[in-house]
């Protein structure tokens, strides 16, 4: 068991889920940007390969999430999964050239600290 009270497999699956959620959201945003530039119709957006990539990632992530729940209590796993709420905006900055305000950076930092507190309390 790790410091968070989770096994290596559960932690690995959680890391995969957080990463997958981040890639999924970036894929959707990139598809939305491309569709907006090309005219923005819903049909054009639905046909974009990055939308389908995001949907496929969601399906795989959902299976991995259920496997996490087989190995960890929801009261511990779900708060850790909220790291995606900080990871997605950071990915937007790094991959899409978006900006985060000081308050957004503070909020992301508080999410990380909150998850650390949950992990410590779960051990």
C-alpha atoms as a PDB file:
ATOM      1  CA  UNK A   1       0.000   0.000   0.000  1.00  0.00           C
ATOM      2  CA  UNK A   2       1.118   3.524  -0.749  1.00  0.00           C
ATOM      3  CA  UNK A   3       1.049   6.574   1.466  1.00  0.00           C
ATOM      4  CA  UNK A   4      -2.472   7.297   0.248  1.00  0.00           C
ATOM      5  CA  UNK A   5      -3.636   3.859   1.372  1.00  0.00           C
ATOM      6  CA  UNK A   6      -4.009   2.656  -2.204  1.00  0.00           C
ATOM      7  CA  UNK A   7      -2.242  -0.196  -3.918  1.00  0.00           C
ATOM      8  CA  UNK A   8       0.123   0.325  -6.816  1.00  0.00           C
ATOM      9  CA  UNK A   9      -2.471  -0.922  -9.319  1.00  0.00           C
ATOM     10  CA  UNK A  10      -5.144   1.473  -8.060  1.00  0.00           C
ATOM     11  CA  UNK A  11      -2.702   4.386  -8.128  1.00  0.00           C
ATOM     12  CA  UNK A  12      -1.612   3.491 -11.652  1.00  0.00           C
ATOM     13  CA  UNK A  13      -5.210   3.282 -12.804  1.00  0.00           C
ATOM     14  CA  UNK A  14      -5.989   6.613 -11.157  1.00  0.00           C
ATOM     15  CA  UNK A  15      -2.999   8.214 -12.883  1.00  0.00           C
ATOM     16  CA  UNK A  16      -4.238   6.775 -16.180  1.00  0.00           C
ATOM     17  CA  UNK A  17      -7.765   8.121 -15.564  1.00  0.00           C
ATOM     18  CA  UNK A  18      -6.487  11.619 -14.743  1.00  0.00           C
ATOM     19  CA  UNK A  19      -4.230  11.617 -17.808  1.00  0.00           C
ATOM     20  CA  UNK A  20      -6.991  10.246 -20.031  1.00  0.00           C
ATOM     21  CA  UNK A  21      -9.458  12.865 -18.799  1.00  0.00           C
ATOM     22  CA  UNK A  22      -6.923  15.575 -19.547  1.00  0.00           C
ATOM     23  CA  UNK A  23      -6.212  14.290 -23.073  1.00  0.00           C
ATOM     24  CA  UNK A  24      -9.935  13.876 -23.680  1.00  0.00           C
ATOM     25  CA  UNK A  25     -10.707  17.482 -22.773  1.00  0.00           C
ATOM     26  CA  UNK A  26      -7.794  18.832 -24.826  1.00  0.00           C
ATOM     27  CA  UNK A  27      -9.013  16.753 -27.794  1.00  0.00           C
ATOM     28  CA  UNK A  28     -12.507  18.188 -27.468  1.00  0.00           C
ATOM     29  CA  UNK A  29     -11.151  21.743 -27.231  1.00  0.00           C
ATOM     30  CA  UNK A  30      -8.912  21.276 -30.273  1.00  0.00           C
ATOM     31  CA  UNK A  31     -11.883  19.906 -32.243  1.00  0.00           C
ATOM     32  CA  UNK A  32     -14.040  22.833 -31.109  1.00  0.00           C
ATOM     33  CA  UNK A  33     -11.369  25.308 -32.192  1.00  0.00           C
ATOM     34  CA  UNK A  34     -11.006  23.634 -35.594  1.00  0.00           C
ATOM     35  CA  UNK A  35     -14.772  23.533 -36.143  1.00  0.00           C
ATOM     36  CA  UNK A  36     -15.133  27.196 -35.180  1.00  0.00           C
ATOM     37  CA  UNK A  37     -12.496  28.178 -37.740  1.00  0.00           C
ATOM     38  CA  UNK A  38     -14.157  26.002 -40.411  1.00  0.00           C
ATOM     39  CA  UNK A  39     -17.666  27.344 -39.894  1.00  0.00           C
ATOM     40  CA  UNK A  40     -18.702  25.902 -36.557  1.00  0.00           C
ATOM     41  CA  UNK A  41     -21.667  23.725 -37.491  1.00  0.00           C
ATOM     42  CA  UNK A  42     -22.637  20.939 -35.120  1.00  0.00           C
ATOM     43  CA  UNK A  43     -22.427  18.427 -37.945  1.00  0.00           C
ATOM     44  CA  UNK A  44     -18.910  19.504 -38.838  1.00  0.00           C
ATOM     45  CA  UNK A  45     -17.941  19.223 -35.175  1.00  0.00           C
ATOM     46  CA  UNK A  46     -19.497  15.755 -34.881  1.00  0.00           C
ATOM     47  CA  UNK A  47     -17.425  14.593 -37.835  1.00  0.00           C
ATOM     48  CA  UNK A  48     -14.124  15.857 -36.444  1.00  0.00           C
ATOM     49  CA  UNK A  49     -11.688  13.010 -35.640  1.00  0.00           C
ATOM     50  CA  UNK A  50     -10.629  14.632 -32.361  1.00  0.00           C
ATOM     51  CA  UNK A  51     -14.211  14.441 -31.090  1.00  0.00           C
ATOM     52  CA  UNK A  52     -14.179  10.711 -31.775  1.00  0.00           C
ATOM     53  CA  UNK A  53     -10.743  10.373 -30.178  1.00  0.00           C
ATOM     54  CA  UNK A  54     -12.083  12.086 -27.051  1.00  0.00           C
ATOM     55  CA  UNK A  55     -15.116   9.797 -27.002  1.00  0.00           C
ATOM     56  CA  UNK A  56     -12.933   6.699 -27.365  1.00  0.00           C
ATOM     57  CA  UNK A  57     -10.677   7.889 -24.554  1.00  0.00           C
ATOM     58  CA  UNK A  58     -13.765   8.455 -22.401  1.00  0.00           C
ATOM     59  CA  UNK A  59     -14.905   4.860 -22.996  1.00  0.00           C
ATOM     60  CA  UNK A  60     -11.517   3.414 -22.036  1.00  0.00           C
ATOM     61  CA  UNK A  61     -11.253   5.758 -19.057  1.00  0.00           C
ATOM     62  CA  UNK A  62     -14.683   4.661 -17.820  1.00  0.00           C
ATOM     63  CA  UNK A  63     -13.580   1.030 -17.764  1.00  0.00           C
ATOM     64  CA  UNK A  64     -10.376   1.968 -15.944  1.00  0.00           C
ATOM     65  CA  UNK A  65     -12.392   4.033 -13.445  1.00  0.00           C
ATOM     66  CA  UNK A  66     -14.609   1.064 -12.614  1.00  0.00           C
ATOM     67  CA  UNK A  67     -11.438  -0.955 -12.031  1.00  0.00           C
ATOM     68  CA  UNK A  68     -10.229   1.766  -9.657  1.00  0.00           C
ATOM     69  CA  UNK A  69     -13.504   1.481  -7.771  1.00  0.00           C
ATOM     70  CA  UNK A  70     -12.995  -2.273  -7.437  1.00  0.00           C
ATOM     71  CA  UNK A  71      -9.740  -1.564  -5.600  1.00  0.00           C
ATOM     72  CA  UNK A  72     -10.341   1.646  -3.658  1.00  0.00           C
ATOM     73  CA  UNK A  73     -13.072   3.343  -1.658  1.00  0.00           C
ATOM     74  CA  UNK A  74     -14.943   6.061  -3.549  1.00  0.00           C
ATOM     75  CA  UNK A  75     -14.284   8.448  -0.655  1.00  0.00           C
ATOM     76  CA  UNK A  76     -10.569   8.247  -1.465  1.00  0.00           C
ATOM     77  CA  UNK A  77     -10.528   7.617  -5.225  1.00  0.00           C
ATOM     78  CA  UNK A  78     -12.923  10.377  -6.292  1.00  0.00           C
ATOM     79  CA  UNK A  79     -11.117  13.242  -4.548  1.00  0.00           C
ATOM     80  CA  UNK A  80      -7.867  12.069  -6.155  1.00  0.00           C
ATOM     81  CA  UNK A  81      -9.603  11.977  -9.532  1.00  0.00           C
ATOM     82  CA  UNK A  82     -10.397  15.673  -9.107  1.00  0.00           C
ATOM     83  CA  UNK A  83      -6.754  16.336  -9.946  1.00  0.00           C
ATOM     84  CA  UNK A  84      -8.100  16.445 -13.493  1.00  0.00           C
ATOM     85  CA  UNK A  85      -9.776  19.768 -12.563  1.00  0.00           C
ATOM     86  CA  UNK A  86      -6.286  21.197 -12.131  1.00  0.00           C
ATOM     87  CA  UNK A  87      -4.547  19.177 -14.849  1.00  0.00           C
ATOM     88  CA  UNK A  88      -6.914  20.175 -17.673  1.00  0.00           C
ATOM     89  CA  UNK A  89      -6.378  23.943 -17.321  1.00  0.00           C
ATOM     90  CA  UNK A  90      -2.615  23.419 -17.008  1.00  0.00           C
ATOM     91  CA  UNK A  91      -2.724  21.337 -20.204  1.00  0.00           C
ATOM     92  CA  UNK A  92      -4.654  24.183 -21.832  1.00  0.00           C
ATOM     93  CA  UNK A  93      -1.822  26.530 -20.957  1.00  0.00           C
ATOM     94  CA  UNK A  94       0.952  24.167 -22.038  1.00  0.00           C
ATOM     95  CA  UNK A  95      -0.638  22.675 -25.162  1.00  0.00           C
ATOM     96  CA  UNK A  96      -3.090  25.284 -26.395  1.00  0.00           C
ATOM     97  CA  UNK A  97      -1.395  28.512 -25.387  1.00  0.00           C
ATOM     98  CA  UNK A  98      -4.225  29.500 -23.060  1.00  0.00           C
ATOM     99  CA  UNK A  99      -3.676  31.684 -20.028  1.00  0.00           C
ATOM    100  CA  UNK A 100      -4.523  31.179 -16.386  1.00  0.00           C
ATOM    101  CA  UNK A 101      -5.124  34.107 -14.062  1.00  0.00           C
ATOM    102  CA  UNK A 102      -3.478  34.240 -10.650  1.00  0.00           C
ATOM    103  CA  UNK A 103      -6.766  33.178  -9.093  1.00  0.00           C
ATOM    104  CA  UNK A 104      -6.986  30.180 -11.416  1.00  0.00           C
ATOM    105  CA  UNK A 105      -3.411  29.179 -10.533  1.00  0.00           C
ATOM    106  CA  UNK A 106      -4.300  29.565  -6.852  1.00  0.00           C
ATOM    107  CA  UNK A 107      -7.413  27.437  -7.359  1.00  0.00           C
ATOM    108  CA  UNK A 108      -5.425  24.693  -9.114  1.00  0.00           C
ATOM    109  CA  UNK A 109      -2.886  24.792  -6.298  1.00  0.00           C
ATOM    110  CA  UNK A 110      -5.659  24.433  -3.727  1.00  0.00           C
ATOM    111  CA  UNK A 111      -6.958  21.379  -5.593  1.00  0.00           C
ATOM    112  CA  UNK A 112      -3.510  19.799  -5.410  1.00  0.00           C
ATOM    113  CA  UNK A 113      -3.286  20.611  -1.698  1.00  0.00           C
ATOM    114  CA  UNK A 114      -6.778  19.249  -1.081  1.00  0.00           C
ATOM    115  CA  UNK A 115      -5.931  15.986  -2.812  1.00  0.00           C
ATOM    116  CA  UNK A 116      -2.742  15.748  -0.742  1.00  0.00           C
ATOM    117  CA  UNK A 117      -4.836  16.183   2.426  1.00  0.00           C
ATOM    118  CA  UNK A 118      -7.258  13.444   1.306  1.00  0.00           C
ATOM    119  CA  UNK A 119      -4.337  11.155   0.498  1.00  0.00           C
ATOM    120  CA  UNK A 120      -2.689  11.735   3.868  1.00  0.00           C
ATOM    121  CA  UNK A 121      -6.004  11.237   5.693  1.00  0.00           C
ATOM    122  CA  UNK A 122      -6.611   8.034   3.700  1.00  0.00           C
ATOM    123  CA  UNK A 123      -3.401   6.390   4.841  1.00  0.00           C
END
